[in-house]
N, C-alpha and C. Protein backbone atom coordinates (compact mmCIF):
# COMPACT_ATOMS: atom_id res chain seq x y z
N UNK A 1 -4.35 12.60 28.46
CA UNK A 1 -5.58 12.31 27.75
C UNK A 1 -5.24 11.87 26.32
N UNK A 2 -5.78 10.76 25.85
CA UNK A 2 -5.46 10.29 24.50
C UNK A 2 -6.01 11.22 23.42
N UNK A 3 -5.31 11.24 22.30
CA UNK A 3 -5.75 12.04 21.16
C UNK A 3 -6.79 11.26 20.36
N UNK A 4 -7.66 12.00 19.67
CA UNK A 4 -8.70 11.39 18.85
C UNK A 4 -8.67 12.05 17.47
N UNK A 5 -9.55 11.59 16.58
CA UNK A 5 -9.65 12.18 15.24
C UNK A 5 -10.12 13.63 15.30
N UNK A 6 -10.81 13.99 16.38
CA UNK A 6 -11.32 15.35 16.53
C UNK A 6 -10.43 16.23 17.41
N UNK A 7 -9.62 15.60 18.25
CA UNK A 7 -8.78 16.33 19.20
C UNK A 7 -7.35 15.79 19.13
N UNK A 8 -6.49 16.54 18.44
CA UNK A 8 -5.10 16.11 18.24
C UNK A 8 -4.22 17.35 18.20
N UNK A 9 -2.90 17.18 18.32
CA UNK A 9 -2.00 18.33 18.31
C UNK A 9 -2.04 19.10 17.00
N UNK A 10 -1.84 20.41 17.08
CA UNK A 10 -1.85 21.27 15.89
C UNK A 10 -0.84 20.85 14.84
N UNK A 11 0.28 20.28 15.26
CA UNK A 11 1.31 19.89 14.30
C UNK A 11 0.86 18.72 13.42
N UNK A 12 -0.26 18.11 13.73
CA UNK A 12 -0.79 17.01 12.91
C UNK A 12 -1.89 17.47 11.96
N UNK A 13 -2.28 18.75 12.05
CA UNK A 13 -3.45 19.20 11.29
C UNK A 13 -3.26 19.19 9.78
N UNK A 14 -2.03 19.35 9.29
CA UNK A 14 -1.80 19.40 7.84
C UNK A 14 -1.44 18.04 7.24
N UNK A 15 -1.45 17.01 8.05
CA UNK A 15 -1.17 15.66 7.54
C UNK A 15 -2.39 15.14 6.78
N UNK A 16 -2.18 14.31 5.76
CA UNK A 16 -3.33 13.65 5.12
C UNK A 16 -4.09 12.82 6.17
N UNK A 17 -5.38 12.66 5.97
CA UNK A 17 -6.23 11.99 6.97
C UNK A 17 -5.67 10.66 7.45
N UNK A 18 -5.30 9.80 6.51
CA UNK A 18 -4.83 8.47 6.89
C UNK A 18 -3.51 8.55 7.67
N UNK A 19 -2.64 9.46 7.27
CA UNK A 19 -1.36 9.63 7.97
C UNK A 19 -1.61 10.21 9.35
N UNK A 20 -2.54 11.16 9.45
CA UNK A 20 -2.87 11.75 10.76
C UNK A 20 -3.40 10.68 11.70
N UNK A 21 -4.29 9.82 11.19
CA UNK A 21 -4.83 8.75 12.04
C UNK A 21 -3.73 7.84 12.55
N UNK A 22 -2.76 7.54 11.70
CA UNK A 22 -1.63 6.70 12.11
C UNK A 22 -0.79 7.44 13.14
N UNK A 23 -0.56 8.74 12.94
CA UNK A 23 0.21 9.54 13.90
C UNK A 23 -0.48 9.57 15.26
N UNK A 24 -1.79 9.69 15.26
CA UNK A 24 -2.55 9.68 16.51
C UNK A 24 -2.38 8.34 17.21
N UNK A 25 -2.48 7.26 16.43
CA UNK A 25 -2.33 5.91 16.98
C UNK A 25 -0.93 5.73 17.59
N UNK A 26 0.09 6.14 16.85
CA UNK A 26 1.47 6.01 17.34
C UNK A 26 1.69 6.91 18.55
N UNK A 27 1.20 8.16 18.47
CA UNK A 27 1.34 9.10 19.58
C UNK A 27 0.70 8.59 20.86
N UNK A 28 -0.49 8.04 20.74
CA UNK A 28 -1.16 7.49 21.92
C UNK A 28 -0.38 6.32 22.52
N UNK A 29 0.21 5.49 21.67
CA UNK A 29 1.02 4.38 22.16
C UNK A 29 2.25 4.89 22.89
N UNK A 30 2.87 5.94 22.33
CA UNK A 30 4.04 6.52 22.99
C UNK A 30 3.67 7.12 24.35
N UNK A 31 2.54 7.81 24.41
CA UNK A 31 2.09 8.38 25.69
C UNK A 31 1.83 7.27 26.70
N UNK A 32 1.23 6.18 26.24
CA UNK A 32 0.98 5.03 27.12
C UNK A 32 2.29 4.44 27.64
N UNK A 33 3.35 4.55 26.84
CA UNK A 33 4.66 4.03 27.24
C UNK A 33 5.43 5.01 28.12
N UNK A 34 4.83 6.16 28.42
CA UNK A 34 5.44 7.10 29.34
C UNK A 34 6.20 8.24 28.70
N UNK A 35 6.14 8.37 27.37
CA UNK A 35 6.79 9.50 26.73
C UNK A 35 6.06 10.80 27.08
N UNK A 36 6.82 11.88 27.19
CA UNK A 36 6.20 13.19 27.39
C UNK A 36 5.59 13.64 26.08
N UNK A 37 4.53 14.43 26.16
CA UNK A 37 3.81 14.87 24.97
C UNK A 37 4.73 15.57 23.97
N UNK A 38 5.60 16.45 24.44
CA UNK A 38 6.50 17.19 23.57
C UNK A 38 7.47 16.30 22.80
N UNK A 39 7.75 15.15 23.33
CA UNK A 39 8.64 14.20 22.66
C UNK A 39 7.83 13.23 21.79
N UNK A 40 6.65 12.87 22.23
CA UNK A 40 5.81 11.90 21.51
C UNK A 40 5.31 12.46 20.18
N UNK A 41 4.98 13.74 20.13
CA UNK A 41 4.41 14.33 18.91
C UNK A 41 5.36 14.23 17.71
N UNK A 42 6.61 14.73 17.80
CA UNK A 42 7.46 14.65 16.62
C UNK A 42 7.80 13.22 16.21
N UNK A 43 7.93 12.34 17.18
CA UNK A 43 8.20 10.94 16.87
C UNK A 43 7.01 10.34 16.12
N UNK A 44 5.82 10.60 16.63
CA UNK A 44 4.60 10.05 16.01
C UNK A 44 4.43 10.56 14.58
N UNK A 45 4.64 11.85 14.38
CA UNK A 45 4.49 12.43 13.04
C UNK A 45 5.53 11.84 12.09
N UNK A 46 6.77 11.75 12.53
CA UNK A 46 7.83 11.21 11.70
C UNK A 46 7.56 9.75 11.33
N UNK A 47 7.17 8.95 12.29
CA UNK A 47 6.91 7.53 12.03
C UNK A 47 5.68 7.35 11.14
N UNK A 48 4.67 8.16 11.32
CA UNK A 48 3.47 8.07 10.48
C UNK A 48 3.78 8.45 9.04
N UNK A 49 4.62 9.44 8.84
CA UNK A 49 5.01 9.82 7.47
C UNK A 49 5.82 8.72 6.81
N UNK A 50 6.72 8.08 7.56
CA UNK A 50 7.47 6.95 7.02
C UNK A 50 6.52 5.81 6.67
N UNK A 51 5.55 5.55 7.54
CA UNK A 51 4.57 4.50 7.30
C UNK A 51 3.80 4.80 6.01
N UNK A 52 3.38 6.04 5.84
CA UNK A 52 2.60 6.42 4.66
C UNK A 52 3.44 6.27 3.39
N UNK A 53 4.70 6.67 3.44
CA UNK A 53 5.57 6.55 2.27
C UNK A 53 5.79 5.10 1.88
N UNK A 54 5.94 4.24 2.86
CA UNK A 54 6.20 2.83 2.59
C UNK A 54 4.95 2.04 2.30
N UNK A 55 3.80 2.54 2.69
CA UNK A 55 2.57 1.76 2.58
C UNK A 55 1.92 1.83 1.21
N UNK A 56 2.17 2.88 0.45
CA UNK A 56 1.45 3.10 -0.79
C UNK A 56 1.94 2.19 -1.90
N UNK A 57 1.12 1.28 -2.32
CA UNK A 57 1.38 0.42 -3.47
C UNK A 57 2.78 -0.16 -3.45
N UNK A 58 3.08 -0.88 -2.41
CA UNK A 58 4.40 -1.46 -2.23
C UNK A 58 4.80 -2.38 -3.37
N UNK A 59 3.95 -3.35 -3.64
CA UNK A 59 4.30 -4.38 -4.61
C UNK A 59 3.66 -4.13 -5.96
N UNK A 60 4.27 -4.69 -6.98
CA UNK A 60 3.71 -4.66 -8.32
C UNK A 60 3.57 -6.09 -8.83
N UNK A 61 2.41 -6.39 -9.34
CA UNK A 61 2.21 -7.66 -10.03
C UNK A 61 2.11 -7.36 -11.52
N UNK A 62 2.71 -8.21 -12.32
CA UNK A 62 2.69 -8.05 -13.77
C UNK A 62 1.77 -9.10 -14.36
N UNK A 63 0.87 -8.68 -15.23
CA UNK A 63 0.01 -9.60 -15.96
C UNK A 63 0.61 -9.71 -17.36
N UNK A 64 1.16 -10.89 -17.66
CA UNK A 64 1.92 -11.10 -18.90
C UNK A 64 1.42 -12.34 -19.64
N UNK A 65 1.66 -12.38 -20.93
CA UNK A 65 1.35 -13.59 -21.70
C UNK A 65 2.64 -14.32 -22.05
N UNK A 66 2.53 -15.64 -22.21
CA UNK A 66 3.63 -16.44 -22.71
C UNK A 66 3.04 -17.60 -23.50
N UNK A 67 3.87 -18.55 -23.88
CA UNK A 67 3.38 -19.65 -24.71
C UNK A 67 2.33 -20.53 -24.03
N UNK A 68 2.25 -20.47 -22.70
CA UNK A 68 1.28 -21.29 -21.96
C UNK A 68 -0.02 -20.56 -21.62
N UNK A 69 -0.14 -19.29 -21.98
CA UNK A 69 -1.35 -18.53 -21.66
C UNK A 69 -1.00 -17.20 -21.00
N UNK A 70 -1.62 -16.95 -19.85
CA UNK A 70 -1.42 -15.70 -19.13
C UNK A 70 -0.93 -16.00 -17.72
N UNK A 71 -0.11 -15.12 -17.19
CA UNK A 71 0.41 -15.31 -15.84
C UNK A 71 0.44 -14.01 -15.07
N UNK A 72 0.39 -14.16 -13.76
CA UNK A 72 0.62 -13.05 -12.84
C UNK A 72 1.94 -13.34 -12.15
N UNK A 73 2.84 -12.37 -12.21
CA UNK A 73 4.15 -12.53 -11.61
C UNK A 73 4.46 -11.30 -10.78
N UNK A 74 4.91 -11.51 -9.57
CA UNK A 74 5.30 -10.39 -8.73
C UNK A 74 6.60 -9.79 -9.29
N UNK A 75 6.64 -8.47 -9.38
CA UNK A 75 7.83 -7.77 -9.89
C UNK A 75 9.05 -8.23 -9.11
N UNK A 76 10.10 -8.56 -9.84
CA UNK A 76 11.33 -9.02 -9.21
C UNK A 76 11.44 -10.54 -9.14
N UNK A 77 10.33 -11.24 -9.26
CA UNK A 77 10.36 -12.71 -9.24
C UNK A 77 10.56 -13.24 -10.66
N UNK A 78 11.19 -14.39 -10.76
CA UNK A 78 11.41 -15.01 -12.07
C UNK A 78 10.26 -15.92 -12.46
N UNK A 79 9.61 -16.52 -11.46
CA UNK A 79 8.54 -17.47 -11.74
C UNK A 79 7.18 -16.84 -11.52
N UNK A 80 6.20 -17.37 -12.23
CA UNK A 80 4.83 -16.88 -12.12
C UNK A 80 4.24 -17.25 -10.76
N UNK A 81 3.46 -16.36 -10.20
CA UNK A 81 2.72 -16.65 -8.97
C UNK A 81 1.43 -17.40 -9.30
N UNK A 82 0.82 -17.07 -10.43
CA UNK A 82 -0.44 -17.68 -10.88
C UNK A 82 -0.40 -17.82 -12.40
N UNK A 83 -1.07 -18.87 -12.91
CA UNK A 83 -1.19 -19.09 -14.36
C UNK A 83 -2.66 -19.28 -14.73
N UNK A 84 -3.03 -18.77 -15.92
CA UNK A 84 -4.42 -18.83 -16.38
C UNK A 84 -4.45 -19.09 -17.88
N UNK A 85 -5.55 -19.65 -18.33
CA UNK A 85 -5.73 -19.88 -19.77
C UNK A 85 -6.12 -18.59 -20.48
N UNK A 86 -6.92 -17.75 -19.80
CA UNK A 86 -7.39 -16.52 -20.45
C UNK A 86 -6.91 -15.28 -19.71
N UNK A 87 -6.85 -14.19 -20.44
CA UNK A 87 -6.47 -12.92 -19.85
C UNK A 87 -7.53 -12.45 -18.86
N UNK A 88 -8.80 -12.74 -19.15
CA UNK A 88 -9.88 -12.33 -18.26
C UNK A 88 -9.75 -12.98 -16.88
N UNK A 89 -9.38 -14.26 -16.85
CA UNK A 89 -9.18 -14.95 -15.57
C UNK A 89 -8.02 -14.33 -14.81
N UNK A 90 -6.94 -14.06 -15.52
CA UNK A 90 -5.77 -13.45 -14.90
C UNK A 90 -6.08 -12.05 -14.37
N UNK A 91 -6.84 -11.29 -15.14
CA UNK A 91 -7.21 -9.95 -14.74
C UNK A 91 -8.09 -9.95 -13.50
N UNK A 92 -9.02 -10.92 -13.42
CA UNK A 92 -9.89 -11.03 -12.24
C UNK A 92 -9.06 -11.32 -10.99
N UNK A 93 -8.11 -12.24 -11.10
CA UNK A 93 -7.24 -12.55 -9.96
C UNK A 93 -6.35 -11.36 -9.63
N UNK A 94 -5.86 -10.67 -10.65
CA UNK A 94 -5.03 -9.50 -10.43
C UNK A 94 -5.77 -8.40 -9.68
N UNK A 95 -7.01 -8.17 -10.05
CA UNK A 95 -7.82 -7.15 -9.34
C UNK A 95 -8.04 -7.56 -7.89
N UNK A 96 -8.22 -8.84 -7.65
CA UNK A 96 -8.37 -9.35 -6.29
C UNK A 96 -7.10 -9.08 -5.48
N UNK A 97 -5.95 -9.31 -6.08
CA UNK A 97 -4.67 -9.05 -5.40
C UNK A 97 -4.50 -7.57 -5.08
N UNK A 98 -4.90 -6.71 -6.01
CA UNK A 98 -4.79 -5.27 -5.80
C UNK A 98 -5.61 -4.85 -4.58
N UNK A 99 -6.84 -5.33 -4.49
CA UNK A 99 -7.70 -4.96 -3.36
C UNK A 99 -7.17 -5.54 -2.05
N UNK A 100 -6.72 -6.76 -2.09
CA UNK A 100 -6.29 -7.46 -0.88
C UNK A 100 -4.94 -6.96 -0.37
N UNK A 101 -4.01 -6.65 -1.28
CA UNK A 101 -2.63 -6.36 -0.90
C UNK A 101 -2.20 -4.92 -1.09
N UNK A 102 -3.11 -4.05 -1.51
CA UNK A 102 -2.76 -2.65 -1.72
C UNK A 102 -1.53 -2.54 -2.63
N UNK A 103 -1.61 -3.19 -3.78
CA UNK A 103 -0.49 -3.20 -4.71
C UNK A 103 -0.93 -2.65 -6.06
N UNK A 104 -0.04 -2.68 -7.02
CA UNK A 104 -0.33 -2.23 -8.38
C UNK A 104 -0.28 -3.42 -9.32
N UNK A 105 -1.21 -3.46 -10.25
CA UNK A 105 -1.23 -4.48 -11.29
C UNK A 105 -0.87 -3.80 -12.60
N UNK A 106 0.21 -4.26 -13.24
CA UNK A 106 0.63 -3.74 -14.52
C UNK A 106 0.18 -4.74 -15.59
N UNK A 107 -0.80 -4.34 -16.39
CA UNK A 107 -1.39 -5.20 -17.40
C UNK A 107 -0.66 -4.99 -18.73
N UNK A 108 -0.15 -6.09 -19.30
CA UNK A 108 0.59 -6.03 -20.56
C UNK A 108 -0.25 -6.62 -21.69
N UNK A 109 0.01 -6.15 -22.88
CA UNK A 109 -0.57 -6.74 -24.09
C UNK A 109 0.29 -7.94 -24.48
N UNK A 110 -0.20 -8.73 -25.44
CA UNK A 110 0.56 -9.90 -25.89
C UNK A 110 1.95 -9.54 -26.41
N UNK A 111 2.09 -8.35 -26.98
CA UNK A 111 3.40 -7.94 -27.51
C UNK A 111 4.36 -7.47 -26.43
N UNK A 112 3.90 -7.44 -25.17
CA UNK A 112 4.75 -7.05 -24.05
C UNK A 112 4.65 -5.60 -23.64
N UNK A 113 3.98 -4.78 -24.44
CA UNK A 113 3.83 -3.37 -24.08
C UNK A 113 2.80 -3.23 -22.96
N UNK A 114 2.90 -2.15 -22.21
CA UNK A 114 1.99 -1.91 -21.09
C UNK A 114 0.65 -1.40 -21.61
N UNK A 115 -0.40 -2.09 -21.20
CA UNK A 115 -1.76 -1.69 -21.58
C UNK A 115 -2.33 -0.71 -20.54
N UNK A 116 -2.16 -1.06 -19.25
CA UNK A 116 -2.69 -0.20 -18.19
C UNK A 116 -2.07 -0.57 -16.86
N UNK A 117 -2.27 0.32 -15.88
CA UNK A 117 -1.87 0.06 -14.50
C UNK A 117 -3.10 0.22 -13.64
N UNK A 118 -3.30 -0.74 -12.75
CA UNK A 118 -4.48 -0.73 -11.87
C UNK A 118 -3.97 -0.74 -10.43
N UNK A 119 -4.44 0.22 -9.63
CA UNK A 119 -4.05 0.21 -8.21
C UNK A 119 -5.21 0.59 -7.30
N UNK A 120 -6.41 0.40 -7.77
CA UNK A 120 -7.59 0.66 -6.93
C UNK A 120 -8.54 -0.49 -7.04
């Protein structure tokens, strides 16, 4: 019988909601593939925890100024992903990226210091 949000193994009860849902999804797939319940549970929990660790705010975009205006650059890249005349335009696009990509936006002041971090 497949597990649900209301009916799942006790070993999943202390997981955060989102991680538990992923563990249930993985566990059900393993059961469908013929794994025994006793083997599927620890695999599902382990894989869901790895997924949760890797999923949280993977990428960082930097909102920076230069002589041409404002840019958004993905952390680790040398070139800008987007360029804007105003900081407000760059910030609007940065917020859109945060929502769409589950990433963090690091907003800098003109002097290069960090003004804020946005990840929601």
